[in-house]
C-alpha atoms as a PDB file:
ATOM      1  CA  MET A   1     106.287 153.789 101.743  1.00  0.00           C
ATOM      2  CA  LYS A   2     104.176 156.293 103.669  1.00  0.00           C
ATOM      3  CA  ASP A   3     101.743 153.582 104.735  1.00  0.00           C
ATOM      4  CA  LEU A   4     104.634 151.363 105.782  1.00  0.00           C
ATOM      5  CA  PHE A   5     106.166 154.214 107.783  1.00  0.00           C
ATOM      6  CA  LEU A   6     102.873 154.898 109.586  1.00  0.00           C
ATOM      7  CA  ALA A   7     102.446 151.196 110.311  1.00  0.00           C
ATOM      8  CA  MET A   8     105.920 151.041 111.783  1.00  0.00           C
ATOM      9  CA  GLN A   9     105.193 154.101 113.939  1.00  0.00           C
ATOM     10  CA  LYS A  10     102.052 152.450 115.264  1.00  0.00           C
ATOM     11  CA  MET A  11     103.969 149.258 115.951  1.00  0.00           C
ATOM     12  CA  VAL A  12     106.656 151.148 117.889  1.00  0.00           C
ATOM     13  CA  SER A  13     104.001 153.007 119.889  1.00  0.00           C
ATOM     14  CA  PHE A  14     102.189 149.765 120.626  1.00  0.00           C
ATOM     15  CA  THR A  15     105.449 148.084 121.686  1.00  0.00           C
ATOM     16  CA  ARG A  16     106.268 150.961 124.016  1.00  0.00           C
ATOM     17  CA  LEU A  17     102.773 150.779 125.491  1.00  0.00           C
ATOM     18  CA  CYS A  18     103.210 147.053 126.119  1.00  0.00           C
ATOM     19  CA  GLN A  19     106.591 147.640 127.733  1.00  0.00           C
ATOM     20  CA  TRP A  20     105.114 150.359 129.938  1.00  0.00           C
ATOM     21  CA  LEU A  21     102.183 148.154 130.972  1.00  0.00           C
ATOM     22  CA  CYS A  22     104.528 145.254 131.730  1.00  0.00           C
ATOM     23  CA  LEU A  23     106.693 147.543 133.842  1.00  0.00           C
ATOM     24  CA  MET A  24     103.655 148.779 135.785  1.00  0.00           C
ATOM     25  CA  LEU A  25     102.521 145.216 136.432  1.00  0.00           C
ATOM     26  CA  MET A  26     105.973 144.320 137.672  1.00  0.00           C
ATOM     27  CA  LEU A  27     106.025 147.330 139.964  1.00  0.00           C
ATOM     28  CA  LEU A  28     102.608 146.460 141.346  1.00  0.00           C
ATOM     29  CA  LYS A  29     103.856 142.961 142.139  1.00  0.00           C
ATOM     30  CA  ILE A  30     107.113 143.993 143.782  1.00  0.00           C
ATOM     31  CA  GLU A  31     107.597 141.842 146.833  1.00  0.00           C
ATOM     32  CA  CYS A  32     107.242 143.545 150.196  1.00  0.00           C
ATOM     33  CA  SER A  33     109.795 142.191 152.634  1.00  0.00           C
ATOM     34  CA  ASP A  34     108.828 140.852 156.055  1.00  0.00           C
ATOM     35  CA  ASP A  35     110.205 142.766 159.017  1.00  0.00           C
ATOM     36  CA  VAL A  36     111.342 140.029 161.397  1.00  0.00           C
ATOM     37  CA  GLU A  37     112.738 140.995 164.778  1.00  0.00           C
ATOM     38  CA  MET A  38     116.141 139.866 165.994  1.00  0.00           C
ATOM     39  CA  THR A  39     116.286 137.503 168.969  1.00  0.00           C
ATOM     40  CA  PHE A  40     119.340 137.884 171.193  1.00  0.00           C
ATOM     41  CA  ILE A  41     120.094 134.935 173.473  1.00  0.00           C
ATOM     42  CA  GLN A  42     121.247 136.740 176.603  1.00  0.00           C
ATOM     43  CA  SER A  43     121.335 133.492 178.596  1.00  0.00           C
ATOM     44  CA  ALA A  44     124.018 132.190 176.219  1.00  0.00           C
ATOM     45  CA  ILE A  45     126.594 134.527 177.755  1.00  0.00           C
ATOM     46  CA  ALA A  46     126.708 132.442 180.939  1.00  0.00           C
ATOM     47  CA  LYS A  47     127.436 129.384 178.788  1.00  0.00           C
ATOM     48  CA  GLY A  48     130.248 131.158 176.966  1.00  0.00           C
ATOM     49  CA  ALA A  49     128.330 130.905 173.695  1.00  0.00           C
ATOM     50  CA  VAL A  50     129.184 134.355 172.428  1.00  0.00           C
ATOM     51  CA  CYS A  51     130.329 136.299 169.374  1.00  0.00           C
ATOM     52  CA  LEU A  52     133.955 137.257 168.834  1.00  0.00           C
ATOM     53  CA  ASP A  53     133.571 140.321 171.089  1.00  0.00           C
ATOM     54  CA  GLY A  54     131.638 138.509 173.820  1.00  0.00           C
ATOM     55  CA  SER A  55     128.205 139.787 172.784  1.00  0.00           C
ATOM     56  CA  PRO A  56     125.255 137.349 172.776  1.00  0.00           C
ATOM     57  CA  PRO A  57     124.415 135.310 169.673  1.00  0.00           C
ATOM     58  CA  ALA A  58     121.335 136.143 167.645  1.00  0.00           C
ATOM     59  CA  TYR A  59     118.859 134.759 165.165  1.00  0.00           C
ATOM     60  CA  GLN A  60     115.696 135.831 163.362  1.00  0.00           C
ATOM     61  CA  PHE A  61     112.622 133.628 163.478  1.00  0.00           C
ATOM     62  CA  ASP A  62     109.278 133.888 161.699  1.00  0.00           C
ATOM     63  CA  LYS A  63     106.804 131.297 162.939  1.00  0.00           C
ATOM     64  CA  GLY A  64     105.101 128.913 160.558  1.00  0.00           C
ATOM     65  CA  ILE A  65     101.340 128.678 160.118  1.00  0.00           C
ATOM     66  CA  GLY A  66      98.778 126.178 158.862  1.00  0.00           C
ATOM     67  CA  GLU A  67     100.248 123.156 157.131  1.00  0.00           C
ATOM     68  CA  GLY A  68     103.743 124.584 157.643  1.00  0.00           C
ATOM     69  CA  VAL A  69     103.571 124.819 161.417  1.00  0.00           C
ATOM     70  CA  ASP A  70     105.773 121.731 161.864  1.00  0.00           C
ATOM     71  CA  LYS A  71     108.106 122.427 158.924  1.00  0.00           C
ATOM     72  CA  TRP A  72     111.379 124.303 159.288  1.00  0.00           C
ATOM     73  CA  LEU A  73     113.743 126.200 157.011  1.00  0.00           C
ATOM     74  CA  ILE A  74     116.938 127.161 158.860  1.00  0.00           C
ATOM     75  CA  HIS A  75     119.531 129.237 157.036  1.00  0.00           C
ATOM     76  CA  ILE A  76     123.074 129.835 158.312  1.00  0.00           C
ATOM     77  CA  GLN A  77     124.342 133.276 157.362  1.00  0.00           C
ATOM     78  CA  GLY A  78     127.633 133.516 155.487  1.00  0.00           C
ATOM     79  CA  GLY A  79     130.378 136.096 155.893  1.00  0.00           C
ATOM     80  CA  GLY A  80     133.853 134.671 155.370  1.00  0.00           C
ATOM     81  CA  TRP A  81     136.332 133.706 158.079  1.00  0.00           C
ATOM     82  CA  CYS A  82     139.095 135.145 160.239  1.00  0.00           C
ATOM     83  CA  GLU A  83     142.362 133.236 160.529  1.00  0.00           C
ATOM     84  CA  SER A  84     144.340 135.646 162.716  1.00  0.00           C
ATOM     85  CA  THR A  85     143.864 137.916 165.710  1.00  0.00           C
ATOM     86  CA  LYS A  86     144.150 140.902 163.410  1.00  0.00           C
ATOM     87  CA  SER A  87     141.488 139.722 160.961  1.00  0.00           C
ATOM     88  CA  CYS A  88     139.141 138.748 163.813  1.00  0.00           C
ATOM     89  CA  LEU A  89     139.507 142.203 165.360  1.00  0.00           C
ATOM     90  CA  LEU A  90     138.565 143.729 162.022  1.00  0.00           C
ATOM     91  CA  ARG A  91     135.343 141.736 162.086  1.00  0.00           C
ATOM     92  CA  VAL A  92     134.510 143.042 165.547  1.00  0.00           C
ATOM     93  CA  ASN A  93     135.086 146.662 164.567  1.00  0.00           C
ATOM     94  CA  LYS A  94     133.274 146.617 161.238  1.00  0.00           C
ATOM     95  CA  THR A  95     129.653 147.686 160.970  1.00  0.00           C
ATOM     96  CA  ASN A  96     128.476 144.553 159.122  1.00  0.00           C
ATOM     97  CA  GLY A  97     127.910 142.597 162.334  1.00  0.00           C
ATOM     98  CA  VAL A  98     129.925 139.478 161.473  1.00  0.00           C
ATOM     99  CA  GLY A  99     131.914 139.696 164.712  1.00  0.00           C
ATOM    100  CA  SER A 100     129.493 141.325 167.112  1.00  0.00           C
ATOM    101  CA  SER A 101     125.735 141.137 167.582  1.00  0.00           C
ATOM    102  CA  THR A 102     125.777 144.757 168.771  1.00  0.00           C
ATOM    103  CA  LEU A 103     126.466 145.818 165.178  1.00  0.00           C
ATOM    104  CA  MET A 104     124.005 143.517 163.426  1.00  0.00           C
ATOM    105  CA  GLN A 105     121.273 144.931 161.230  1.00  0.00           C
ATOM    106  CA  LYS A 106     118.070 142.989 160.700  1.00  0.00           C
ATOM    107  CA  PHE A 107     117.728 140.986 157.515  1.00  0.00           C
ATOM    108  CA  ASN A 108     114.453 141.527 155.704  1.00  0.00           C
ATOM    109  CA  PHE A 109     112.776 138.233 154.936  1.00  0.00           C
ATOM    110  CA  THR A 110     112.337 137.975 151.168  1.00  0.00           C
ATOM    111  CA  GLY A 111     112.646 135.224 148.558  1.00  0.00           C
ATOM    112  CA  VAL A 112     112.510 131.806 150.198  1.00  0.00           C
ATOM    113  CA  PHE A 113     112.040 133.536 153.572  1.00  0.00           C
ATOM    114  CA  SER A 114     108.981 135.537 152.498  1.00  0.00           C
ATOM    115  CA  SER A 115     105.621 134.855 154.139  1.00  0.00           C
ATOM    116  CA  LYS A 116     103.823 135.755 150.904  1.00  0.00           C
ATOM    117  CA  GLN A 117     102.620 132.671 149.029  1.00  0.00           C
ATOM    118  CA  GLU A 118     102.779 134.367 145.626  1.00  0.00           C
ATOM    119  CA  PHE A 119     106.498 135.020 146.046  1.00  0.00           C
ATOM    120  CA  ASN A 120     107.432 131.936 148.064  1.00  0.00           C
ATOM    121  CA  PRO A 121     105.004 129.097 147.298  1.00  0.00           C
ATOM    122  CA  GLY A 122     107.317 126.407 148.670  1.00  0.00           C
ATOM    123  CA  PHE A 123     108.116 127.789 152.120  1.00  0.00           C
ATOM    124  CA  TYR A 124     105.860 130.776 152.820  1.00  0.00           C
ATOM    125  CA  ASN A 125     104.060 129.035 155.708  1.00  0.00           C
ATOM    126  CA  TRP A 126     107.089 127.205 157.167  1.00  0.00           C
ATOM    127  CA  ASN A 127     108.994 128.243 160.267  1.00  0.00           C
ATOM    128  CA  ARG A 128     111.768 130.333 158.733  1.00  0.00           C
ATOM    129  CA  VAL A 129     115.003 131.073 160.587  1.00  0.00           C
ATOM    130  CA  ILE A 130     118.207 132.952 159.818  1.00  0.00           C
ATOM    131  CA  MET A 131     121.044 131.977 162.148  1.00  0.00           C
ATOM    132  CA  ARG A 132     123.223 135.077 162.406  1.00  0.00           C
ATOM    133  CA  TYR A 133     126.977 134.657 161.969  1.00  0.00           C
ATOM    134  CA  CYS A 134     129.477 136.310 164.304  1.00  0.00           C
ATOM    135  CA  ASP A 135     132.259 133.840 165.155  1.00  0.00           C
ATOM    136  CA  GLY A 136     134.442 133.826 162.035  1.00  0.00           C
ATOM    137  CA  ALA A 137     134.916 130.060 161.737  1.00  0.00           C
ATOM    138  CA  SER A 138     131.686 128.588 160.360  1.00  0.00           C
ATOM    139  CA  PHE A 139     130.451 127.849 163.892  1.00  0.00           C
ATOM    140  CA  THR A 140     133.274 125.344 164.534  1.00  0.00           C
ATOM    141  CA  GLY A 141     135.494 127.031 167.135  1.00  0.00           C
ATOM    142  CA  ASP A 142     135.616 126.411 170.871  1.00  0.00           C
ATOM    143  CA  VAL A 143     138.457 127.936 172.878  1.00  0.00           C
ATOM    144  CA  GLU A 144     137.839 128.165 176.612  1.00  0.00           C
ATOM    145  CA  LYS A 145     140.407 130.860 177.336  1.00  0.00           C
ATOM    146  CA  VAL A 146     139.578 134.413 176.293  1.00  0.00           C
ATOM    147  CA  ASP A 147     142.417 136.400 174.782  1.00  0.00           C
ATOM    148  CA  PRO A 148     143.204 138.962 177.554  1.00  0.00           C
ATOM    149  CA  ALA A 149     144.817 141.418 175.162  1.00  0.00           C
ATOM    150  CA  THR A 150     141.947 141.586 172.680  1.00  0.00           C
ATOM    151  CA  ASN A 151     138.956 140.093 174.559  1.00  0.00           C
ATOM    152  CA  LEU A 152     138.335 137.865 171.550  1.00  0.00           C
ATOM    153  CA  HIS A 153     136.176 134.783 172.074  1.00  0.00           C
ATOM    154  CA  TYR A 154     136.420 131.813 169.735  1.00  0.00           C
ATOM    155  CA  ARG A 155     133.188 129.985 170.567  1.00  0.00           C
ATOM    156  CA  GLY A 156     131.294 129.393 167.326  1.00  0.00           C
ATOM    157  CA  ALA A 157     130.353 125.781 168.077  1.00  0.00           C
ATOM    158  CA  ARG A 158     128.652 126.849 171.288  1.00  0.00           C
ATOM    159  CA  ILE A 159     126.644 129.432 169.363  1.00  0.00           C
ATOM    160  CA  PHE A 160     125.365 126.778 166.966  1.00  0.00           C
ATOM    161  CA  ASN A 161     124.319 124.614 169.918  1.00  0.00           C
ATOM    162  CA  VAL A 162     122.453 127.303 171.879  1.00  0.00           C
ATOM    163  CA  ILE A 163     120.556 128.547 168.835  1.00  0.00           C
ATOM    164  CA  LEU A 164     119.513 125.003 167.946  1.00  0.00           C
ATOM    165  CA  ASP A 165     118.479 124.396 171.569  1.00  0.00           C
ATOM    166  CA  GLU A 166     116.225 127.464 171.421  1.00  0.00           C
ATOM    167  CA  LEU A 167     114.671 126.339 168.165  1.00  0.00           C
ATOM    168  CA  LEU A 168     114.118 122.817 169.459  1.00  0.00           C
ATOM    169  CA  ALA A 169     112.201 124.309 172.377  1.00  0.00           C
ATOM    170  CA  LYS A 170     110.129 126.377 169.926  1.00  0.00           C
ATOM    171  CA  GLY A 171     108.933 123.269 168.076  1.00  0.00           C
ATOM    172  CA  LEU A 172     111.863 122.076 165.973  1.00  0.00           C
ATOM    173  CA  ASN A 173     111.918 118.940 168.141  1.00  0.00           C
ATOM    174  CA  LYS A 174     108.578 117.982 166.549  1.00  0.00           C
ATOM    175  CA  ALA A 175     109.474 118.849 162.974  1.00  0.00           C
ATOM    176  CA  SER A 176     107.993 116.714 160.224  1.00  0.00           C
ATOM    177  CA  SER A 177     110.335 118.328 157.660  1.00  0.00           C
ATOM    178  CA  ALA A 178     113.484 120.387 158.110  1.00  0.00           C
ATOM    179  CA  LEU A 179     115.874 122.012 155.681  1.00  0.00           C
ATOM    180  CA  LEU A 180     119.283 123.242 156.869  1.00  0.00           C
ATOM    181  CA  THR A 181     120.814 125.696 154.418  1.00  0.00           C
ATOM    182  CA  GLY A 182     123.685 128.154 154.360  1.00  0.00           C
ATOM    183  CA  CYS A 183     125.634 130.386 152.010  1.00  0.00           C
ATOM    184  CA  SER A 184     129.445 130.478 151.632  1.00  0.00           C
ATOM    185  CA  SER A 185     130.876 130.073 155.156  1.00  0.00           C
ATOM    186  CA  GLY A 186     127.318 129.301 156.210  1.00  0.00           C
ATOM    187  CA  GLY A 187     127.121 126.691 153.465  1.00  0.00           C
ATOM    188  CA  LEU A 188     130.270 125.121 154.841  1.00  0.00           C
ATOM    189  CA  ALA A 189     128.647 125.010 158.281  1.00  0.00           C
ATOM    190  CA  ALA A 190     125.589 123.317 156.754  1.00  0.00           C
ATOM    191  CA  ILE A 191     127.879 120.600 155.382  1.00  0.00           C
ATOM    192  CA  LEU A 192     129.867 120.133 158.578  1.00  0.00           C
ATOM    193  CA  TYR A 193     126.809 120.051 160.849  1.00  0.00           C
ATOM    194  CA  CYS A 194     124.426 118.150 158.612  1.00  0.00           C
ATOM    195  CA  ASP A 195     124.709 114.815 160.431  1.00  0.00           C
ATOM    196  CA  LYS A 196     124.482 116.466 163.855  1.00  0.00           C
ATOM    197  CA  PHE A 197     121.394 118.378 162.764  1.00  0.00           C
ATOM    198  CA  ARG A 198     119.806 115.159 161.512  1.00  0.00           C
ATOM    199  CA  ALA A 199     120.505 113.460 164.867  1.00  0.00           C
ATOM    200  CA  MET A 200     118.803 116.259 166.815  1.00  0.00           C
ATOM    201  CA  LEU A 201     115.447 115.747 165.109  1.00  0.00           C
ATOM    202  CA  PRO A 202     112.883 112.951 165.322  1.00  0.00           C
ATOM    203  CA  ALA A 203     113.767 109.835 163.362  1.00  0.00           C
ATOM    204  CA  THR A 204     110.530 110.260 161.408  1.00  0.00           C
ATOM    205  CA  SER A 205     111.482 113.755 160.214  1.00  0.00           C
ATOM    206  CA  GLN A 206     112.423 114.388 156.614  1.00  0.00           C
ATOM    207  CA  VAL A 207     115.739 116.238 156.844  1.00  0.00           C
ATOM    208  CA  LYS A 208     117.876 117.717 154.067  1.00  0.00           C
ATOM    209  CA  CYS A 209     120.946 119.947 153.994  1.00  0.00           C
ATOM    210  CA  VAL A 210     121.548 122.368 151.125  1.00  0.00           C
ATOM    211  CA  PRO A 211     124.865 124.279 151.058  1.00  0.00           C
ATOM    212  CA  ASP A 212     124.958 127.238 148.701  1.00  0.00           C
ATOM    213  CA  ALA A 213     128.519 128.030 147.534  1.00  0.00           C
ATOM    214  CA  GLY A 214     129.855 126.237 150.605  1.00  0.00           C
ATOM    215  CA  TYR A 215     132.162 123.713 148.961  1.00  0.00           C
ATOM    216  CA  PHE A 216     135.794 124.778 148.620  1.00  0.00           C
ATOM    217  CA  VAL A 217     137.836 122.509 146.394  1.00  0.00           C
ATOM    218  CA  HIS A 218     141.307 121.480 147.570  1.00  0.00           C
ATOM    219  CA  VAL A 219     143.283 122.343 144.456  1.00  0.00           C
ATOM    220  CA  LYS A 220     146.163 124.630 143.557  1.00  0.00           C
ATOM    221  CA  ASP A 221     145.201 128.213 142.786  1.00  0.00           C
ATOM    222  CA  ILE A 222     146.470 130.251 139.854  1.00  0.00           C
ATOM    223  CA  SER A 223     149.792 130.773 141.638  1.00  0.00           C
ATOM    224  CA  GLY A 224     150.335 127.009 141.683  1.00  0.00           C
ATOM    225  CA  LYS A 225     150.090 126.758 145.480  1.00  0.00           C
ATOM    226  CA  TYR A 226     147.570 125.502 148.038  1.00  0.00           C
ATOM    227  CA  HIS A 227     146.761 128.830 149.666  1.00  0.00           C
ATOM    228  CA  PHE A 228     143.325 127.677 150.794  1.00  0.00           C
ATOM    229  CA  GLU A 229     144.906 124.833 152.752  1.00  0.00           C
ATOM    230  CA  LYS A 230     147.232 127.224 154.575  1.00  0.00           C
ATOM    231  CA  PHE A 231     144.392 129.647 155.224  1.00  0.00           C
ATOM    232  CA  PHE A 232     142.053 127.055 156.712  1.00  0.00           C
ATOM    233  CA  THR A 233     144.875 125.486 158.727  1.00  0.00           C
ATOM    234  CA  LYS A 234     145.255 128.847 160.460  1.00  0.00           C
ATOM    235  CA  ILE A 235     141.498 129.020 161.090  1.00  0.00           C
ATOM    236  CA  VAL A 236     141.467 125.552 162.647  1.00  0.00           C
ATOM    237  CA  LYS A 237     144.408 126.365 164.883  1.00  0.00           C
ATOM    238  CA  LEU A 238     143.168 129.780 166.037  1.00  0.00           C
ATOM    239  CA  HIS A 239     139.599 128.651 166.778  1.00  0.00           C
ATOM    240  CA  ASN A 240     140.442 125.129 167.976  1.00  0.00           C
ATOM    241  CA  SER A 241     138.043 123.860 165.323  1.00  0.00           C
ATOM    242  CA  GLU A 242     139.434 120.348 165.060  1.00  0.00           C
ATOM    243  CA  ILE A 243     137.358 119.082 167.980  1.00  0.00           C
ATOM    244  CA  ASN A 244     134.172 120.014 166.128  1.00  0.00           C
ATOM    245  CA  LEU A 245     135.084 118.791 162.654  1.00  0.00           C
ATOM    246  CA  PRO A 246     133.757 115.416 161.474  1.00  0.00           C
ATOM    247  CA  SER A 247     135.778 112.644 163.084  1.00  0.00           C
ATOM    248  CA  MET A 248     135.342 110.537 159.946  1.00  0.00           C
ATOM    249  CA  CYS A 249     137.742 113.008 158.313  1.00  0.00           C
ATOM    250  CA  THR A 250     140.040 114.035 161.146  1.00  0.00           C
ATOM    251  CA  SER A 251     140.709 110.404 162.049  1.00  0.00           C
ATOM    252  CA  LYS A 252     142.285 109.880 158.644  1.00  0.00           C
ATOM    253  CA  MET A 253     144.356 113.051 158.406  1.00  0.00           C
ATOM    254  CA  LYS A 254     147.473 114.416 160.041  1.00  0.00           C
ATOM    255  CA  PRO A 255     146.959 117.498 162.250  1.00  0.00           C
ATOM    256  CA  GLY A 256     148.743 119.668 159.706  1.00  0.00           C
ATOM    257  CA  LEU A 257     146.252 118.628 157.021  1.00  0.00           C
ATOM    258  CA  VAL A 258     143.107 118.777 159.132  1.00  0.00           C
ATOM    259  CA  SER A 259     142.032 121.869 157.201  1.00  0.00           C
ATOM    260  CA  SER A 260     141.462 119.602 154.204  1.00  0.00           C
ATOM    261  CA  VAL A 261     138.252 118.538 155.928  1.00  0.00           C
ATOM    262  CA  PHE A 262     136.882 121.886 154.836  1.00  0.00           C
ATOM    263  CA  PHE A 263     137.398 120.904 151.220  1.00  0.00           C
ATOM    264  CA  THR A 264     136.701 117.193 151.003  1.00  0.00           C
ATOM    265  CA  THR A 265     133.933 116.296 153.439  1.00  0.00           C
ATOM    266  CA  THR A 266     130.773 115.175 151.665  1.00  0.00           C
ATOM    267  CA  GLN A 267     128.413 114.401 154.527  1.00  0.00           C
ATOM    268  CA  SER A 268     124.708 114.506 153.831  1.00  0.00           C
ATOM    269  CA  ALA A 269     121.586 113.639 155.688  1.00  0.00           C
ATOM    270  CA  PRO A 270     119.713 110.522 154.615  1.00  0.00           C
END
């Protein structure tokens, strides 16, 4: 029994040593994030391509190198939506920057945005972009008139266009491969703009769109009602989004059901 007890003690000590060594190795390999500066498109203000509060749109861009110099990963930031003047004003006044570029904090580039090959073997040398979100309608809105009482601007579609124009001028127009991604409301934007994105690039480019949690199913919720439909109908009306939604869907739906496009569209790049 004594020998067995001593053997067990040694085994426990050895196990703890292994755990400690594994922890140290993990700590030594912790990924260091890339500090990528924010680019504010001041010239977009003259075009009316602005955030909810009228501030200029922004994006973060880390240039590709080597074999990835003509390959692009573009990610559309998520952040929910605003369906009313009140909820849009909340976005402007919050410190998370989803309604104003003046409140945005830089995202550190990690994971699939990292420039370190050991942490991001697939995309480390690609051009990596995060399109910052500040319009509250998945980049679909376009209302010419500014609300005089609140100074709210509903111009998300213009933001998408000016950021893409900047990236095209930086080399996206010569892309051999391009991946448009987005999360949540950004994932929805990736779905809605996939075909347009494909059309902007050379016909020889390999283009894919990957929405992450951007598909919202048109079904009854636990209350037995279609609350999502009502919610998105308000978004479409407030932001005048219908003009920027896929015509293949809006041409088949009544105006009151146009929000269903947010749930049922299944566009994808070839």
